[in-house]
């Protein structure tokens, strides 16, 4: 007998509003000494495939499983022999949905070990866009055993996860080891750097299991510097405001950029303090760029040469300019 969560629809009928619920897993989740060829998961209602691309196995192996559905049962079969003494994690989030209303099951996973214990170490961090500093969602993050010149071009990672909407990524159930960390936007879904404008990023040093706050800035190697579009001053405006930026670090060459919405209206080398005069009243955004090569513009990264993109720091608040007012910002960028 199958069940479903019922509510009264506007028409007076009964509508299923909840995703399928797991009734049984065989072998059980978190099994050790795993030596089976397949896994069967039984649900409380009829199911169908929702998004096969969301399934992945870590340690990573492409197309290692076959999926089959029989009414309310999902069968996951392994095509190849699994490695010995290895902890495996199957991500099944959004893989299946119910037949009646198409409600996807957004959280489902399966953990097992071919050895006598399940590895328990972890590693986490964040993926952000190198220019906007915004968190990046649904980005593949991979762990590799060693660095090579063509690592992201030819090799697939040992372990993979995807970042969530906060940009955070978390590896669980890792062995005690050190890893090289890369992240990729992966527009063609092969977890390799094969499209020139795919955004990629890397952590500059090897990291050990149990490391935290591994921050990766994703960049587009083909990205061009945004054009500055200065404000056109209105001759009817008689009063303007002034912005004074104080407390910027003097040990690094900095570029100051002022924006309205997403348009850069001013770019200049920082001074101490930096004064921006003759600003029409309105709301602005502010960011600084650590100009490592002192060329006066933001430079993207380079994967082959292992250049990181120049760091961009956003001022955390909107800046409100008023007529005949000076706005002083004490900005501690640390």
C-alpha atoms as a PDB file:
ATOM      1  CA  UNK A   1       0.000   0.000   0.000  1.00  0.00           C
ATOM      2  CA  UNK A   2       1.402   3.395  -0.999  1.00  0.00           C
ATOM      3  CA  UNK A   3       0.687   6.607   0.878  1.00  0.00           C
ATOM      4  CA  UNK A   4       0.813  10.302   0.146  1.00  0.00           C
ATOM      5  CA  UNK A   5       0.473  13.589   2.044  1.00  0.00           C
ATOM      6  CA  UNK A   6      -2.937  15.021   1.251  1.00  0.00           C
ATOM      7  CA  UNK A   7      -4.363  18.540   1.275  1.00  0.00           C
ATOM      8  CA  UNK A   8      -7.635  19.830  -0.105  1.00  0.00           C
ATOM      9  CA  UNK A   9      -7.044  21.546  -3.447  1.00  0.00           C
ATOM     10  CA  UNK A  10      -9.078  24.662  -4.455  1.00  0.00           C
ATOM     11  CA  UNK A  11     -11.193  22.430  -6.681  1.00  0.00           C
ATOM     12  CA  UNK A  12     -12.067  20.284  -3.681  1.00  0.00           C
ATOM     13  CA  UNK A  13      -9.829  17.384  -4.735  1.00  0.00           C
ATOM     14  CA  UNK A  14      -6.920  15.850  -2.857  1.00  0.00           C
ATOM     15  CA  UNK A  15      -3.410  16.990  -3.751  1.00  0.00           C
ATOM     16  CA  UNK A  16      -0.137  15.272  -2.834  1.00  0.00           C
ATOM     17  CA  UNK A  17       2.245  17.977  -1.510  1.00  0.00           C
ATOM     18  CA  UNK A  18       5.160  16.051   0.017  1.00  0.00           C
ATOM     19  CA  UNK A  19       8.054  14.221  -1.668  1.00  0.00           C
ATOM     20  CA  UNK A  20       8.478  10.452  -1.445  1.00  0.00           C
ATOM     21  CA  UNK A  21       9.664   9.091   1.889  1.00  0.00           C
ATOM     22  CA  UNK A  22      12.300   6.374   2.285  1.00  0.00           C
ATOM     23  CA  UNK A  23      10.897   3.201   3.838  1.00  0.00           C
ATOM     24  CA  UNK A  24      13.894   0.885   3.536  1.00  0.00           C
ATOM     25  CA  UNK A  25      17.475   0.737   2.243  1.00  0.00           C
ATOM     26  CA  UNK A  26      19.200  -2.534   1.360  1.00  0.00           C
ATOM     27  CA  UNK A  27      22.002  -2.830   2.350  1.00  0.00           C
ATOM     28  CA  UNK A  28      21.424  -0.393   5.200  1.00  0.00           C
ATOM     29  CA  UNK A  29      22.817   3.127   4.993  1.00  0.00           C
ATOM     30  CA  UNK A  30      26.318   3.460   6.500  1.00  0.00           C
ATOM     31  CA  UNK A  31      27.152  -0.193   5.882  1.00  0.00           C
ATOM     32  CA  UNK A  32      30.736  -1.382   6.277  1.00  0.00           C
ATOM     33  CA  UNK A  33      32.513  -4.270   4.501  1.00  0.00           C
ATOM     34  CA  UNK A  34      30.257  -3.483   1.544  1.00  0.00           C
ATOM     35  CA  UNK A  35      30.621  -6.119  -1.205  1.00  0.00           C
ATOM     36  CA  UNK A  36      27.297  -5.843  -3.052  1.00  0.00           C
ATOM     37  CA  UNK A  37      26.703  -5.028  -6.706  1.00  0.00           C
ATOM     38  CA  UNK A  38      23.634  -2.891  -6.113  1.00  0.00           C
ATOM     39  CA  UNK A  39      21.612  -0.873  -3.606  1.00  0.00           C
ATOM     40  CA  UNK A  40      17.816  -0.881  -3.363  1.00  0.00           C
ATOM     41  CA  UNK A  41      15.859   1.999  -1.847  1.00  0.00           C
ATOM     42  CA  UNK A  42      12.137   1.534  -1.188  1.00  0.00           C
ATOM     43  CA  UNK A  43       9.781   4.544  -0.947  1.00  0.00           C
ATOM     44  CA  UNK A  44       6.260   4.994   0.356  1.00  0.00           C
ATOM     45  CA  UNK A  45       4.814   5.889  -3.066  1.00  0.00           C
ATOM     46  CA  UNK A  46       5.385   5.446  -6.794  1.00  0.00           C
ATOM     47  CA  UNK A  47       8.502   7.247  -8.031  1.00  0.00           C
ATOM     48  CA  UNK A  48      10.188   8.426 -11.232  1.00  0.00           C
ATOM     49  CA  UNK A  49      13.528   9.979 -12.185  1.00  0.00           C
ATOM     50  CA  UNK A  50      13.621  13.760 -11.649  1.00  0.00           C
ATOM     51  CA  UNK A  51      17.195  14.876 -12.425  1.00  0.00           C
ATOM     52  CA  UNK A  52      19.792  12.220 -13.239  1.00  0.00           C
ATOM     53  CA  UNK A  53      22.534  14.877 -13.519  1.00  0.00           C
ATOM     54  CA  UNK A  54      22.243  15.532  -9.776  1.00  0.00           C
ATOM     55  CA  UNK A  55      23.554  12.060  -8.907  1.00  0.00           C
ATOM     56  CA  UNK A  56      27.250  11.715  -8.194  1.00  0.00           C
ATOM     57  CA  UNK A  57      29.548   9.319  -6.384  1.00  0.00           C
ATOM     58  CA  UNK A  58      32.511  10.372  -4.274  1.00  0.00           C
ATOM     59  CA  UNK A  59      35.304   9.197  -4.690  1.00  0.00           C
ATOM     60  CA  UNK A  60      34.385  10.331  -8.187  1.00  0.00           C
ATOM     61  CA  UNK A  61      33.869   7.979 -11.088  1.00  0.00           C
ATOM     62  CA  UNK A  62      31.895   9.028 -14.141  1.00  0.00           C
ATOM     63  CA  UNK A  63      28.991   6.814 -15.251  1.00  0.00           C
ATOM     64  CA  UNK A  64      29.766   4.130 -12.688  1.00  0.00           C
ATOM     65  CA  UNK A  65      26.131   3.366 -11.831  1.00  0.00           C
ATOM     66  CA  UNK A  66      22.967   2.251 -13.578  1.00  0.00           C
ATOM     67  CA  UNK A  67      19.548   3.312 -12.326  1.00  0.00           C
ATOM     68  CA  UNK A  68      16.293   1.395 -12.613  1.00  0.00           C
ATOM     69  CA  UNK A  69      12.864   1.989 -11.128  1.00  0.00           C
ATOM     70  CA  UNK A  70      10.161  -0.558 -10.417  1.00  0.00           C
ATOM     71  CA  UNK A  71       7.050   1.122  -9.001  1.00  0.00           C
ATOM     72  CA  UNK A  72       8.253   2.424  -5.611  1.00  0.00           C
ATOM     73  CA  UNK A  73      11.767   0.933  -5.708  1.00  0.00           C
ATOM     74  CA  UNK A  74      14.981   2.562  -6.897  1.00  0.00           C
ATOM     75  CA  UNK A  75      17.810   0.192  -7.783  1.00  0.00           C
ATOM     76  CA  UNK A  76      21.363   1.540  -8.069  1.00  0.00           C
ATOM     77  CA  UNK A  77      23.759  -0.913  -9.725  1.00  0.00           C
ATOM     78  CA  UNK A  78      27.531  -0.528  -9.932  1.00  0.00           C
ATOM     79  CA  UNK A  79      29.069  -1.125 -13.361  1.00  0.00           C
ATOM     80  CA  UNK A  80      32.649  -1.519 -12.134  1.00  0.00           C
ATOM     81  CA  UNK A  81      34.338  -3.044  -9.134  1.00  0.00           C
ATOM     82  CA  UNK A  82      34.650  -0.686  -6.184  1.00  0.00           C
ATOM     83  CA  UNK A  83      38.025   0.100  -4.592  1.00  0.00           C
ATOM     84  CA  UNK A  84      39.000  -1.755  -1.449  1.00  0.00           C
ATOM     85  CA  UNK A  85      39.027  -0.110   1.998  1.00  0.00           C
ATOM     86  CA  UNK A  86      37.317   3.007   0.670  1.00  0.00           C
ATOM     87  CA  UNK A  87      34.448   5.102   2.021  1.00  0.00           C
ATOM     88  CA  UNK A  88      31.921   6.026  -0.682  1.00  0.00           C
ATOM     89  CA  UNK A  89      29.284   8.748  -0.647  1.00  0.00           C
ATOM     90  CA  UNK A  90      26.320   8.728  -3.038  1.00  0.00           C
ATOM     91  CA  UNK A  91      24.574  12.060  -3.481  1.00  0.00           C
ATOM     92  CA  UNK A  92      20.957  11.468  -4.529  1.00  0.00           C
ATOM     93  CA  UNK A  93      19.519  14.945  -3.870  1.00  0.00           C
ATOM     94  CA  UNK A  94      16.731  15.766  -6.363  1.00  0.00           C
ATOM     95  CA  UNK A  95      17.310  12.484  -8.198  1.00  0.00           C
ATOM     96  CA  UNK A  96      13.745  11.200  -7.821  1.00  0.00           C
ATOM     97  CA  UNK A  97      10.226  12.599  -7.544  1.00  0.00           C
ATOM     98  CA  UNK A  98       6.801  11.111  -7.010  1.00  0.00           C
ATOM     99  CA  UNK A  99       4.587  10.108  -9.895  1.00  0.00           C
ATOM    100  CA  UNK A 100       1.386  11.846  -8.787  1.00  0.00           C
ATOM    101  CA  UNK A 101       2.451  15.493  -8.420  1.00  0.00           C
ATOM    102  CA  UNK A 102       6.155  15.428  -9.283  1.00  0.00           C
ATOM    103  CA  UNK A 103       7.356  16.451  -5.808  1.00  0.00           C
ATOM    104  CA  UNK A 104      11.180  16.064  -5.804  1.00  0.00           C
ATOM    105  CA  UNK A 105      13.042  14.603  -2.826  1.00  0.00           C
ATOM    106  CA  UNK A 106      15.697  17.280  -2.304  1.00  0.00           C
ATOM    107  CA  UNK A 107      17.739  15.559   0.427  1.00  0.00           C
ATOM    108  CA  UNK A 108      18.814  11.960   0.041  1.00  0.00           C
ATOM    109  CA  UNK A 109      22.214  10.317   0.290  1.00  0.00           C
ATOM    110  CA  UNK A 110      23.806   6.935   0.924  1.00  0.00           C
ATOM    111  CA  UNK A 111      27.088   6.223   2.675  1.00  0.00           C
ATOM    112  CA  UNK A 112      29.052   2.988   2.799  1.00  0.00           C
ATOM    113  CA  UNK A 113      32.554   1.580   3.094  1.00  0.00           C
ATOM    114  CA  UNK A 114      34.231  -1.352   1.391  1.00  0.00           C
ATOM    115  CA  UNK A 115      36.532  -1.507   4.421  1.00  0.00           C
ATOM    116  CA  UNK A 116      35.904  -2.149   8.096  1.00  0.00           C
ATOM    117  CA  UNK A 117      35.234   1.476   9.014  1.00  0.00           C
ATOM    118  CA  UNK A 118      33.768   4.670   7.568  1.00  0.00           C
ATOM    119  CA  UNK A 119      36.207   7.561   7.217  1.00  0.00           C
ATOM    120  CA  UNK A 120      35.125  10.497   9.364  1.00  0.00           C
ATOM    121  CA  UNK A 121      37.339  13.500   8.552  1.00  0.00           C
ATOM    122  CA  UNK A 122      36.040  16.609   6.777  1.00  0.00           C
ATOM    123  CA  UNK A 123      37.074  19.729   4.875  1.00  0.00           C
ATOM    124  CA  UNK A 124      35.055  22.866   4.124  1.00  0.00           C
ATOM    125  CA  UNK A 125      35.213  26.325   2.638  1.00  0.00           C
ATOM    126  CA  UNK A 126      33.499  28.830   0.365  1.00  0.00           C
ATOM    127  CA  UNK A 127      33.401  29.599  -3.358  1.00  0.00           C
ATOM    128  CA  UNK A 128      32.954  33.249  -4.353  1.00  0.00           C
ATOM    129  CA  UNK A 129      33.027  35.156  -7.636  1.00  0.00           C
ATOM    130  CA  UNK A 130      36.402  36.868  -8.005  1.00  0.00           C
ATOM    131  CA  UNK A 131      34.944  40.173  -9.256  1.00  0.00           C
ATOM    132  CA  UNK A 132      31.667  40.543  -7.372  1.00  0.00           C
ATOM    133  CA  UNK A 133      32.668  38.619  -4.209  1.00  0.00           C
ATOM    134  CA  UNK A 134      29.184  37.070  -4.327  1.00  0.00           C
ATOM    135  CA  UNK A 135      28.804  33.439  -3.155  1.00  0.00           C
ATOM    136  CA  UNK A 136      28.517  30.949  -6.011  1.00  0.00           C
ATOM    137  CA  UNK A 137      25.986  28.130  -5.959  1.00  0.00           C
ATOM    138  CA  UNK A 138      26.115  24.726  -7.679  1.00  0.00           C
ATOM    139  CA  UNK A 139      29.873  24.858  -8.334  1.00  0.00           C
ATOM    140  CA  UNK A 140      31.862  21.629  -8.466  1.00  0.00           C
ATOM    141  CA  UNK A 141      34.710  21.494  -5.947  1.00  0.00           C
ATOM    142  CA  UNK A 142      37.219  18.673  -6.385  1.00  0.00           C
ATOM    143  CA  UNK A 143      40.026  17.190  -4.313  1.00  0.00           C
ATOM    144  CA  UNK A 144      43.076  15.762  -6.076  1.00  0.00           C
ATOM    145  CA  UNK A 145      45.974  13.757  -4.692  1.00  0.00           C
ATOM    146  CA  UNK A 146      48.794  15.696  -6.350  1.00  0.00           C
ATOM    147  CA  UNK A 147      49.440  18.749  -8.509  1.00  0.00           C
ATOM    148  CA  UNK A 148      50.327  18.390 -12.192  1.00  0.00           C
ATOM    149  CA  UNK A 149      50.542  20.927 -15.023  1.00  0.00           C
ATOM    150  CA  UNK A 150      47.424  19.581 -16.742  1.00  0.00           C
ATOM    151  CA  UNK A 151      45.476  18.580 -13.652  1.00  0.00           C
ATOM    152  CA  UNK A 152      42.133  20.244 -14.337  1.00  0.00           C
ATOM    153  CA  UNK A 153      42.421  19.744 -18.105  1.00  0.00           C
ATOM    154  CA  UNK A 154      42.870  15.958 -18.158  1.00  0.00           C
ATOM    155  CA  UNK A 155      42.180  14.453 -14.726  1.00  0.00           C
ATOM    156  CA  UNK A 156      39.005  13.981 -12.731  1.00  0.00           C
ATOM    157  CA  UNK A 157      39.051  14.530  -8.948  1.00  0.00           C
ATOM    158  CA  UNK A 158      39.185  11.891  -6.253  1.00  0.00           C
ATOM    159  CA  UNK A 159      36.386  13.527  -4.286  1.00  0.00           C
ATOM    160  CA  UNK A 160      33.710  15.949  -5.436  1.00  0.00           C
ATOM    161  CA  UNK A 161      30.952  18.051  -3.892  1.00  0.00           C
ATOM    162  CA  UNK A 162      28.840  20.996  -5.042  1.00  0.00           C
ATOM    163  CA  UNK A 163      28.598  24.366  -3.338  1.00  0.00           C
ATOM    164  CA  UNK A 164      25.252  25.476  -1.925  1.00  0.00           C
ATOM    165  CA  UNK A 165      23.558  28.882  -2.261  1.00  0.00           C
ATOM    166  CA  UNK A 166      25.768  30.450   0.426  1.00  0.00           C
ATOM    167  CA  UNK A 167      28.837  29.402  -1.554  1.00  0.00           C
ATOM    168  CA  UNK A 168      29.764  26.869   1.128  1.00  0.00           C
ATOM    169  CA  UNK A 169      31.086  23.425   0.262  1.00  0.00           C
ATOM    170  CA  UNK A 170      31.689  20.551   2.674  1.00  0.00           C
ATOM    171  CA  UNK A 171      33.543  17.293   2.181  1.00  0.00           C
ATOM    172  CA  UNK A 172      32.659  14.629   4.738  1.00  0.00           C
ATOM    173  CA  UNK A 173      33.962  11.120   5.364  1.00  0.00           C
ATOM    174  CA  UNK A 174      37.487  11.802   4.105  1.00  0.00           C
ATOM    175  CA  UNK A 175      40.557   9.722   4.975  1.00  0.00           C
ATOM    176  CA  UNK A 176      43.566  11.304   6.668  1.00  0.00           C
ATOM    177  CA  UNK A 177      45.419  12.832   3.732  1.00  0.00           C
ATOM    178  CA  UNK A 178      46.440  16.051   1.967  1.00  0.00           C
ATOM    179  CA  UNK A 179      44.723  17.347  -1.158  1.00  0.00           C
ATOM    180  CA  UNK A 180      44.952  19.862  -3.982  1.00  0.00           C
ATOM    181  CA  UNK A 181      41.660  21.816  -4.228  1.00  0.00           C
ATOM    182  CA  UNK A 182      40.093  23.128  -7.440  1.00  0.00           C
ATOM    183  CA  UNK A 183      36.644  24.479  -8.271  1.00  0.00           C
ATOM    184  CA  UNK A 184      34.950  24.769 -11.662  1.00  0.00           C
ATOM    185  CA  UNK A 185      31.703  26.150 -13.044  1.00  0.00           C
ATOM    186  CA  UNK A 186      31.671  23.167 -15.450  1.00  0.00           C
ATOM    187  CA  UNK A 187      29.314  24.326 -18.187  1.00  0.00           C
ATOM    188  CA  UNK A 188      29.686  21.041 -20.100  1.00  0.00           C
ATOM    189  CA  UNK A 189      29.331  18.777 -17.050  1.00  0.00           C
ATOM    190  CA  UNK A 190      32.581  16.809 -17.354  1.00  0.00           C
ATOM    191  CA  UNK A 191      34.402  18.199 -14.274  1.00  0.00           C
ATOM    192  CA  UNK A 192      37.315  19.277 -16.463  1.00  0.00           C
ATOM    193  CA  UNK A 193      38.427  22.666 -17.773  1.00  0.00           C
ATOM    194  CA  UNK A 194      37.474  22.339 -21.439  1.00  0.00           C
ATOM    195  CA  UNK A 195      35.607  25.584 -22.225  1.00  0.00           C
ATOM    196  CA  UNK A 196      37.691  28.801 -22.241  1.00  0.00           C
ATOM    197  CA  UNK A 197      35.120  30.945 -20.427  1.00  0.00           C
ATOM    198  CA  UNK A 198      34.256  28.409 -17.722  1.00  0.00           C
ATOM    199  CA  UNK A 199      34.943  29.959 -14.364  1.00  0.00           C
ATOM    200  CA  UNK A 200      37.635  28.145 -12.396  1.00  0.00           C
ATOM    201  CA  UNK A 201      39.499  28.617  -9.157  1.00  0.00           C
ATOM    202  CA  UNK A 202      42.102  26.919  -7.007  1.00  0.00           C
ATOM    203  CA  UNK A 203      43.554  27.031  -3.543  1.00  0.00           C
ATOM    204  CA  UNK A 204      47.263  27.906  -3.693  1.00  0.00           C
ATOM    205  CA  UNK A 205      48.479  25.261  -1.240  1.00  0.00           C
ATOM    206  CA  UNK A 206      47.771  21.638  -0.455  1.00  0.00           C
ATOM    207  CA  UNK A 207      45.336  21.225   2.423  1.00  0.00           C
ATOM    208  CA  UNK A 208      44.893  18.495   4.996  1.00  0.00           C
ATOM    209  CA  UNK A 209      41.713  16.736   6.032  1.00  0.00           C
ATOM    210  CA  UNK A 210      39.958  18.667   8.811  1.00  0.00           C
ATOM    211  CA  UNK A 211      40.903  22.013   7.231  1.00  0.00           C
ATOM    212  CA  UNK A 212      38.255  24.728   7.400  1.00  0.00           C
ATOM    213  CA  UNK A 213      37.527  28.030   5.632  1.00  0.00           C
ATOM    214  CA  UNK A 214      39.230  27.070   2.366  1.00  0.00           C
ATOM    215  CA  UNK A 215      38.144  30.076   0.309  1.00  0.00           C
ATOM    216  CA  UNK A 216      38.304  29.855  -3.479  1.00  0.00           C
ATOM    217  CA  UNK A 217      37.754  32.786  -5.864  1.00  0.00           C
ATOM    218  CA  UNK A 218      36.340  31.739  -9.235  1.00  0.00           C
ATOM    219  CA  UNK A 219      37.550  33.644 -12.286  1.00  0.00           C
ATOM    220  CA  UNK A 220      37.048  33.675 -16.028  1.00  0.00           C
ATOM    221  CA  UNK A 221      40.427  33.683 -17.783  1.00  0.00           C
ATOM    222  CA  UNK A 222      38.860  35.431 -20.788  1.00  0.00           C
ATOM    223  CA  UNK A 223      37.220  38.192 -18.732  1.00  0.00           C
ATOM    224  CA  UNK A 224      37.862  41.741 -19.910  1.00  0.00           C
ATOM    225  CA  UNK A 225      38.061  44.766 -17.663  1.00  0.00           C
ATOM    226  CA  UNK A 226      34.671  46.461 -17.280  1.00  0.00           C
ATOM    227  CA  UNK A 227      34.359  49.815 -19.025  1.00  0.00           C
ATOM    228  CA  UNK A 228      34.056  52.924 -16.878  1.00  0.00           C
ATOM    229  CA  UNK A 229      30.964  54.963 -17.759  1.00  0.00           C
ATOM    230  CA  UNK A 230      31.336  58.328 -15.969  1.00  0.00           C
ATOM    231  CA  UNK A 231      28.249  60.126 -14.796  1.00  0.00           C
ATOM    232  CA  UNK A 232      27.095  62.890 -17.120  1.00  0.00           C
ATOM    233  CA  UNK A 233      26.801  65.986 -14.956  1.00  0.00           C
ATOM    234  CA  UNK A 234      23.505  67.802 -15.180  1.00  0.00           C
ATOM    235  CA  UNK A 235      24.079  71.545 -15.606  1.00  0.00           C
ATOM    236  CA  UNK A 236      20.901  72.274 -13.648  1.00  0.00           C
ATOM    237  CA  UNK A 237      22.325  70.666 -10.505  1.00  0.00           C
ATOM    238  CA  UNK A 238      23.956  73.285  -8.320  1.00  0.00           C
ATOM    239  CA  UNK A 239      24.962  71.157  -5.349  1.00  0.00           C
ATOM    240  CA  UNK A 240      26.968  67.970  -5.120  1.00  0.00           C
ATOM    241  CA  UNK A 241      28.273  65.722  -2.383  1.00  0.00           C
ATOM    242  CA  UNK A 242      31.741  64.466  -1.523  1.00  0.00           C
ATOM    243  CA  UNK A 243      32.998  60.990  -0.511  1.00  0.00           C
ATOM    244  CA  UNK A 244      36.119  60.655   1.647  1.00  0.00           C
ATOM    245  CA  UNK A 245      37.571  57.155   2.135  1.00  0.00           C
ATOM    246  CA  UNK A 246      39.948  56.852   5.052  1.00  0.00           C
ATOM    247  CA  UNK A 247      41.957  54.073   6.718  1.00  0.00           C
ATOM    248  CA  UNK A 248      42.838  52.131   3.553  1.00  0.00           C
ATOM    249  CA  UNK A 249      45.961  49.985   3.926  1.00  0.00           C
ATOM    250  CA  UNK A 250      49.030  51.744   2.552  1.00  0.00           C
ATOM    251  CA  UNK A 251      51.216  48.652   2.151  1.00  0.00           C
ATOM    252  CA  UNK A 252      49.465  47.586  -1.086  1.00  0.00           C
ATOM    253  CA  UNK A 253      48.710  49.387  -4.354  1.00  0.00           C
ATOM    254  CA  UNK A 254      44.938  49.798  -4.479  1.00  0.00           C
ATOM    255  CA  UNK A 255      42.357  50.751  -7.084  1.00  0.00           C
ATOM    256  CA  UNK A 256      39.122  52.375  -5.938  1.00  0.00           C
ATOM    257  CA  UNK A 257      35.974  51.788  -7.990  1.00  0.00           C
ATOM    258  CA  UNK A 258      32.641  53.515  -7.438  1.00  0.00           C
ATOM    259  CA  UNK A 259      29.499  51.956  -8.918  1.00  0.00           C
ATOM    260  CA  UNK A 260      25.846  52.744  -9.406  1.00  0.00           C
ATOM    261  CA  UNK A 261      24.026  49.435  -9.519  1.00  0.00           C
ATOM    262  CA  UNK A 262      26.402  47.343 -11.689  1.00  0.00           C
ATOM    263  CA  UNK A 263      27.899  50.213 -13.700  1.00  0.00           C
ATOM    264  CA  UNK A 264      31.385  51.479 -12.826  1.00  0.00           C
ATOM    265  CA  UNK A 265      31.287  55.283 -12.855  1.00  0.00           C
ATOM    266  CA  UNK A 266      34.773  55.947 -11.475  1.00  0.00           C
ATOM    267  CA  UNK A 267      38.078  54.107 -11.255  1.00  0.00           C
ATOM    268  CA  UNK A 268      41.189  55.647  -9.711  1.00  0.00           C
ATOM    269  CA  UNK A 269      44.345  54.802  -7.822  1.00  0.00           C
ATOM    270  CA  UNK A 270      43.796  55.043  -4.096  1.00  0.00           C
ATOM    271  CA  UNK A 271      45.335  57.876  -2.144  1.00  0.00           C
ATOM    272  CA  UNK A 272      45.390  58.335   1.611  1.00  0.00           C
ATOM    273  CA  UNK A 273      42.741  59.499   2.097  1.00  0.00           C
ATOM    274  CA  UNK A 274      40.903  59.015  -1.210  1.00  0.00           C
ATOM    275  CA  UNK A 275      38.579  61.917  -2.033  1.00  0.00           C
ATOM    276  CA  UNK A 276      35.839  61.688  -4.662  1.00  0.00           C
ATOM    277  CA  UNK A 277      34.201  65.051  -5.262  1.00  0.00           C
ATOM    278  CA  UNK A 278      31.262  66.356  -7.302  1.00  0.00           C
ATOM    279  CA  UNK A 279      28.975  63.358  -6.807  1.00  0.00           C
ATOM    280  CA  UNK A 280      25.267  63.811  -7.549  1.00  0.00           C
ATOM    281  CA  UNK A 281      22.964  62.825  -4.703  1.00  0.00           C
ATOM    282  CA  UNK A 282      22.126  59.123  -4.813  1.00  0.00           C
ATOM    283  CA  UNK A 283      23.078  55.601  -3.767  1.00  0.00           C
ATOM    284  CA  UNK A 284      26.470  54.143  -4.650  1.00  0.00           C
ATOM    285  CA  UNK A 285      28.498  50.965  -4.220  1.00  0.00           C
ATOM    286  CA  UNK A 286      32.214  50.943  -3.446  1.00  0.00           C
ATOM    287  CA  UNK A 287      34.961  48.384  -3.900  1.00  0.00           C
ATOM    288  CA  UNK A 288      38.727  48.268  -3.873  1.00  0.00           C
ATOM    289  CA  UNK A 289      41.092  46.085  -5.893  1.00  0.00           C
ATOM    290  CA  UNK A 290      44.505  44.938  -4.692  1.00  0.00           C
ATOM    291  CA  UNK A 291      46.486  45.987  -7.776  1.00  0.00           C
ATOM    292  CA  UNK A 292      49.306  43.442  -7.517  1.00  0.00           C
ATOM    293  CA  UNK A 293      50.975  44.350 -10.806  1.00  0.00           C
ATOM    294  CA  UNK A 294      50.234  48.097 -10.470  1.00  0.00           C
ATOM    295  CA  UNK A 295      48.709  48.446 -13.924  1.00  0.00           C
ATOM    296  CA  UNK A 296      45.636  50.359 -12.741  1.00  0.00           C
ATOM    297  CA  UNK A 297      43.023  47.727 -13.651  1.00  0.00           C
ATOM    298  CA  UNK A 298      41.678  44.424 -12.294  1.00  0.00           C
ATOM    299  CA  UNK A 299      43.413  41.337 -13.685  1.00  0.00           C
ATOM    300  CA  UNK A 300      41.839  37.903 -13.839  1.00  0.00           C
ATOM    301  CA  UNK A 301      43.665  34.690 -12.908  1.00  0.00           C
ATOM    302  CA  UNK A 302      45.453  32.136 -15.044  1.00  0.00           C
ATOM    303  CA  UNK A 303      45.107  28.428 -14.366  1.00  0.00           C
ATOM    304  CA  UNK A 304      48.216  27.229 -16.204  1.00  0.00           C
ATOM    305  CA  UNK A 305      50.529  29.861 -14.717  1.00  0.00           C
ATOM    306  CA  UNK A 306      48.826  29.530 -11.313  1.00  0.00           C
ATOM    307  CA  UNK A 307      48.018  33.222 -11.083  1.00  0.00           C
ATOM    308  CA  UNK A 308      45.235  34.076  -8.682  1.00  0.00           C
ATOM    309  CA  UNK A 309      42.831  36.859  -9.739  1.00  0.00           C
ATOM    310  CA  UNK A 310      43.514  40.177  -8.068  1.00  0.00           C
ATOM    311  CA  UNK A 311      41.523  40.417  -4.869  1.00  0.00           C
ATOM    312  CA  UNK A 312      38.369  42.528  -4.825  1.00  0.00           C
ATOM    313  CA  UNK A 313      36.942  43.804  -1.516  1.00  0.00           C
ATOM    314  CA  UNK A 314      33.423  45.222  -1.351  1.00  0.00           C
ATOM    315  CA  UNK A 315      32.386  47.913   1.081  1.00  0.00           C
ATOM    316  CA  UNK A 316      29.652  46.171   3.100  1.00  0.00           C
ATOM    317  CA  UNK A 317      27.062  48.987   2.969  1.00  0.00           C
ATOM    318  CA  UNK A 318      25.392  51.226   0.421  1.00  0.00           C
ATOM    319  CA  UNK A 319      26.810  54.742   0.343  1.00  0.00           C
ATOM    320  CA  UNK A 320      24.226  57.530   0.367  1.00  0.00           C
ATOM    321  CA  UNK A 321      25.424  60.853  -1.049  1.00  0.00           C
ATOM    322  CA  UNK A 322      23.437  64.012  -0.267  1.00  0.00           C
ATOM    323  CA  UNK A 323      23.744  67.523  -1.661  1.00  0.00           C
ATOM    324  CA  UNK A 324      26.347  69.655   0.145  1.00  0.00           C
ATOM    325  CA  UNK A 325      27.321  66.803   2.459  1.00  0.00           C
ATOM    326  CA  UNK A 326      30.695  65.157   2.993  1.00  0.00           C
ATOM    327  CA  UNK A 327      30.491  61.415   3.662  1.00  0.00           C
ATOM    328  CA  UNK A 328      33.496  60.060   5.564  1.00  0.00           C
ATOM    329  CA  UNK A 329      34.162  56.307   5.521  1.00  0.00           C
ATOM    330  CA  UNK A 330      36.520  54.715   8.004  1.00  0.00           C
ATOM    331  CA  UNK A 331      37.123  51.452   6.180  1.00  0.00           C
ATOM    332  CA  UNK A 332      39.097  48.723   7.922  1.00  0.00           C
ATOM    333  CA  UNK A 333      39.456  46.248   5.059  1.00  0.00           C
ATOM    334  CA  UNK A 334      40.873  43.587   7.379  1.00  0.00           C
END
